[in-house]
Protein backbone atom coordinates (compact mmCIF):
# COMPACT_ATOMS: atom_id res chain seq x y z
CA MET A 1 116.63 95.64 135.77
CA LYS A 2 119.59 94.38 137.75
CA PRO A 3 120.40 96.25 140.98
CA VAL A 4 123.42 98.54 141.08
CA ARG A 5 126.38 96.79 142.70
CA LEU A 6 128.02 99.04 145.30
CA LEU A 7 131.25 98.42 147.20
CA VAL A 8 131.77 100.78 150.14
CA THR A 9 134.53 100.98 152.75
CA ALA A 10 133.95 102.34 156.24
CA GLY A 11 135.63 102.98 159.58
CA PRO A 12 139.26 103.23 160.67
CA THR A 13 142.07 100.75 160.37
CA ARG A 14 144.32 99.62 163.21
CA GLU A 15 148.04 99.20 162.65
CA PRO A 16 149.57 97.06 165.43
CA ILE A 17 152.57 98.08 167.48
CA ASP A 18 152.54 94.96 169.65
CA VAL A 19 149.89 92.46 170.77
CA VAL A 20 148.13 95.17 172.81
CA ARG A 21 148.77 98.57 171.23
CA PHE A 22 147.97 99.97 167.81
CA LEU A 23 147.87 103.18 165.75
CA SER A 24 144.41 104.29 164.62
CA ASN A 25 142.16 107.34 164.26
CA ARG A 26 138.80 108.76 165.39
CA SER A 27 136.64 107.34 162.59
CA THR A 28 133.53 105.48 163.81
CA GLY A 29 132.37 104.22 160.41
CA LYS A 30 129.01 106.00 160.69
CA MET A 31 129.24 107.70 157.28
CA GLY A 32 130.08 104.52 155.42
CA PHE A 33 127.40 102.55 157.24
CA ALA A 34 124.86 105.28 156.44
CA LEU A 35 125.77 104.97 152.77
CA ALA A 36 125.44 101.19 152.90
CA ALA A 37 122.06 101.43 154.65
CA GLU A 38 120.69 104.03 152.23
CA ALA A 39 121.95 102.11 149.20
CA GLY A 40 120.35 98.92 150.49
CA HIS A 41 117.09 100.84 151.03
CA ARG A 42 117.23 101.92 147.37
CA GLY A 43 117.64 98.35 146.18
CA PHE A 44 121.38 98.39 145.53
CA ASP A 45 123.37 95.19 145.97
CA VAL A 46 125.81 96.28 148.67
CA ARG A 47 129.09 94.91 149.99
CA LEU A 48 130.51 96.78 152.97
CA ILE A 49 134.19 96.48 153.88
CA ALA A 50 134.34 97.57 157.51
CA GLY A 51 137.27 98.36 159.74
CA PRO A 52 136.96 97.74 163.50
CA VAL A 53 133.76 99.57 164.47
CA ALA A 54 130.93 99.05 166.96
CA LEU A 55 128.03 99.29 164.50
CA PRO A 56 125.37 96.75 163.45
CA THR A 57 125.30 95.60 159.85
CA PRO A 58 122.55 97.31 157.84
CA GLY A 59 119.82 94.95 156.66
CA GLY A 60 120.49 93.18 153.38
CA VAL A 61 124.13 94.28 153.27
CA GLU A 62 127.03 91.82 152.91
CA ARG A 63 129.72 92.78 155.43
CA ILE A 64 133.42 92.01 155.18
CA ASP A 65 135.38 92.80 158.36
CA VAL A 66 139.03 93.83 158.24
CA THR A 67 141.46 95.38 160.70
CA THR A 68 144.57 96.76 159.00
CA ALA A 69 145.12 98.97 155.97
CA GLY A 70 146.73 96.02 154.21
CA GLN A 71 143.68 93.85 154.83
CA MET A 72 141.35 96.58 153.59
CA CYS A 73 143.41 96.97 150.44
CA GLU A 74 143.28 93.22 149.81
CA ALA A 75 139.51 93.20 150.31
CA VAL A 76 138.97 96.08 147.87
CA GLU A 77 141.19 94.38 145.29
CA ALA A 78 139.25 91.12 145.75
CA HIS A 79 135.83 92.72 145.25
CA ILE A 80 136.36 95.63 142.86
CA ASP A 81 135.68 93.60 139.72
CA TRP A 82 132.23 92.78 141.14
CA CYS A 83 131.08 96.37 141.68
CA GLU A 84 129.83 99.15 139.43
CA VAL A 85 130.27 101.85 142.08
CA LEU A 86 133.09 102.17 144.62
CA ILE A 87 132.74 104.58 147.56
CA MET A 88 135.79 104.91 149.78
CA THR A 89 134.68 106.45 153.08
CA ALA A 90 137.15 104.55 155.28
CA ALA A 91 139.78 106.54 157.19
CA VAL A 92 142.68 104.28 156.26
CA ALA A 93 145.88 104.75 158.27
CA ASP A 94 148.64 106.49 156.31
CA TRP A 95 151.45 104.93 158.36
CA ARG A 96 152.17 101.71 160.21
CA PRO A 97 155.03 100.56 162.45
CA VAL A 98 157.91 98.97 160.57
CA VAL A 99 158.29 96.37 163.34
CA VAL A 100 155.30 94.67 165.00
CA HIS A 101 156.28 93.03 168.29
CA ALA A 102 154.90 89.58 169.09
CA ARG A 103 154.82 90.30 172.83
CA LYS A 104 153.66 93.29 174.85
CA LEU A 105 156.36 95.92 175.05
CA LYS A 106 157.32 96.92 178.57
CA LYS A 107 157.57 100.61 179.35
CA ARG A 108 160.93 100.13 181.00
CA ASP A 109 162.35 98.48 177.86
CA THR A 110 160.70 100.56 175.12
CA ALA A 111 162.49 103.29 173.20
CA PRO A 112 160.36 106.46 172.93
CA VAL A 113 160.45 106.47 169.10
CA LEU A 114 158.49 104.29 166.66
CA GLU A 115 159.81 103.84 163.13
CA LEU A 116 156.91 104.12 160.66
CA GLU A 117 156.38 103.32 157.00
CA ARG A 118 153.67 104.36 154.56
CA THR A 119 150.71 102.06 154.02
CA GLN A 120 149.47 101.23 150.55
CA ASP A 121 147.23 103.94 149.06
CA ILE A 122 144.19 101.87 148.12
CA LEU A 123 142.79 104.21 145.48
CA ASP A 124 146.21 104.44 143.81
CA ARG A 125 146.46 100.66 143.90
CA VAL A 126 143.13 100.07 142.10
CA ARG A 127 142.87 103.12 139.83
CA HIS A 128 144.11 101.12 136.81
CA ARG A 129 141.11 98.81 137.31
CA LYS A 130 138.50 101.59 137.19
CA GLU A 131 137.15 100.45 133.79
CA GLY A 132 134.05 102.63 133.75
CA ARG A 133 133.18 102.31 137.44
CA PHE A 134 131.90 105.38 139.26
CA VAL A 135 134.37 106.07 142.07
CA VAL A 136 133.74 108.35 145.04
CA GLY A 137 136.40 109.38 147.54
CA PHE A 138 136.36 111.33 150.79
CA ALA A 139 138.73 114.06 151.93
CA ALA A 140 138.86 114.88 155.65
CA GLU A 141 140.87 118.10 155.83
CA SER A 142 141.86 120.70 158.40
CA ASP A 143 143.36 123.28 156.00
CA ASN A 144 142.51 124.43 152.46
CA MET A 145 139.71 121.87 152.33
CA VAL A 146 138.36 122.45 148.83
CA GLU A 147 141.78 122.87 147.19
CA GLU A 148 143.14 119.73 148.86
CA ALA A 149 140.04 117.76 147.89
CA LYS A 150 140.32 118.84 144.25
CA ARG A 151 143.97 117.81 144.22
CA LYS A 152 143.05 114.39 145.59
CA ARG A 153 140.16 114.04 143.13
CA ASP A 154 142.43 114.68 140.15
CA ALA A 155 145.38 112.65 141.43
CA LYS A 156 143.21 109.58 142.07
CA ASP A 157 140.93 109.89 139.01
CA LEU A 158 137.75 110.21 141.07
CA ASP A 159 134.32 111.00 139.64
CA LEU A 160 133.24 112.69 142.87
CA ILE A 161 134.97 113.63 146.09
CA VAL A 162 133.24 114.51 149.36
CA ALA A 163 135.16 117.02 151.46
CA ASN A 164 134.61 117.81 155.11
CA ASP A 165 136.39 120.09 157.57
CA ILE A 166 137.54 117.98 160.52
CA THR A 167 138.08 121.04 162.71
CA GLU A 168 134.32 121.60 163.09
CA ALA A 169 133.16 120.33 166.47
CA ASP A 170 129.53 119.60 165.50
CA ALA A 171 130.19 117.35 162.49
CA GLY A 172 132.40 114.63 161.09
CA PHE A 173 134.30 112.22 163.32
CA GLU A 174 132.36 110.70 166.24
CA SER A 175 129.17 112.55 165.25
CA ASP A 176 125.87 111.52 163.66
CA MET A 177 125.98 114.77 161.68
CA ASN A 178 128.12 115.97 158.82
CA ARG A 179 128.70 119.14 156.82
CA VAL A 180 130.31 118.44 153.45
CA VAL A 181 131.10 119.82 150.03
CA LEU A 182 130.43 117.62 146.99
CA ILE A 183 133.07 118.21 144.32
CA PRO A 184 132.41 116.37 141.04
CA ARG A 185 134.85 115.81 138.22
CA GLU A 186 132.71 118.11 136.06
CA GLY A 187 130.32 120.87 137.04
CA PRO A 188 130.01 123.13 140.07
CA LEU A 189 130.64 122.01 143.61
CA GLU A 190 127.73 121.76 146.04
CA THR A 191 128.02 122.89 149.66
CA LEU A 192 125.60 121.05 151.93
CA PRO A 193 124.47 122.46 155.29
CA LEU A 194 124.78 120.53 158.54
CA MET A 195 122.63 117.40 158.28
CA SER A 196 122.52 113.79 159.39
CA LYS A 197 124.97 111.39 157.81
CA ARG A 198 122.01 109.45 156.40
CA ASP A 199 120.88 112.62 154.62
CA VAL A 200 124.42 113.17 153.33
CA ALA A 201 124.30 109.60 152.02
CA ARG A 202 121.07 110.42 150.17
CA HIS A 203 122.70 113.38 148.43
CA ILE A 204 125.73 111.31 147.43
CA LEU A 205 123.65 108.44 146.10
CA ASN A 206 121.42 110.85 144.17
CA ARG A 207 124.59 111.94 142.38
CA VAL A 208 125.59 108.33 141.75
CA GLU A 209 122.20 107.39 140.35
CA HIS A 210 122.13 110.46 138.11
CA ALA A 211 125.58 109.64 136.73
CA LEU A 212 124.63 106.01 136.06
CA ARG A 213 121.50 107.06 134.17
CA ARG A 214 123.67 109.08 131.79
CA VAL A 215 125.91 106.12 130.93
């Protein structure tokens, strides 16, 4: 039997202001890399689209490095037809500077306001190419976590969304641990206790494998 082909995104993006400065976020990529590692361990064929992170590539995983939200979007579009499962763990920047300066801005010359524009929503961009693929999204929320995750799940036509509360100090960003709620398209949600991100990956991939067996 052919291995399951999994495309997973991980880490932050960086949106340049000038040649030195950029806008980004606290994502380390650990959740996405844990998913890639666990999937590889299970015999999946894995391609990992990684933002700028300081993590080694899991064994047997094909890694594609990107920096900006635009580059990540292009990489997902280039590889989505290859995969059977898409898991979007990356914390993609929502905004980027309208103007990127080719030289370092000097404090004495810089206005205190940056004009921003929205980046492309990657899941919105590729949703018309779903074509039977199992798609998993992540929702990092600080308020109304479950309700916001359900809204995102429905708006983006996801089969499963993984929600986590970013206000919790012992889990999520910059931690090896996570505490999440799995919210499928159909059926009851599942609240997982605090556990390692590798264990969270196991729970998610169990769901993926169960769904694929039913197809």
